[in-house]
């Protein structure tokens, strides 16, 4: 009788152990799926918060077939010669891609703490000197910002980034309110290193006001910045410095 009882209990225990094993396996699958789905949701939400690529917000003046502004237009650039100063509404920052738990995420950092001036002479942009406070660039994550300000870039020692135009640029196509795209080459100094960079810039000049927008391709290592790879998050080696400058003729 005892042997029969033990046999019955043994048979009853096997399904119980098997059931527990299935429950554990199911729980593991749920946890893994939750992490995967959660990272994807987070990646989607972070990317959704990324700022748009800078574009011209000042509409170009409509032109007639002969290139003159349309009748009735009150936006005519006039003489663009002189000094133009960066004003309110300007911003600059970075755009980068990172992989978070296998999900692609786009991150943008922005600051409006940018100053400088442009010099135009006879439809030629002959000088541009701009300064950006790197230690005020921020994203939607304080932890990411702290890493950027202290580890990625030593903003304590190098709080400012600068750009200086290297060669003149013809801006005649935008002098009467028309949108123009031109290539601009200059020296970008960041994190204590100076690198020659080149980028396409969109510009429009309207009656003493102008806007210039663009993206400067960059490789972090060129500026002594090691793209972080922390296991759960890895930053791509390349990115962009973006800008939108509202400038006014002095």
Foldseek 3Di string as FASTA:
>chain_A
DVVVVVVVVVVVVVVVVVVVVVVVVVVVVVVVVCVVVVQQVVQVVQQVQADDADDDPQAFADADPVGAGDPPDPWFQPDPAAKKWFDPPKKKWWWFWKAFQNHIHIWTWMDRQKIWMWGDDPQKGAKTKMKDQQLPTDTPDPVVSVCVPVPQAVCVVVRMKMWIFDGIDRRVSQRTRHKDKDKTWTWIAGSNDIDIWIWIWIKHGTHQKMKIWTKTKDFSVNNVGDFDDPPRMTIDRIIIMIIITIIGGD
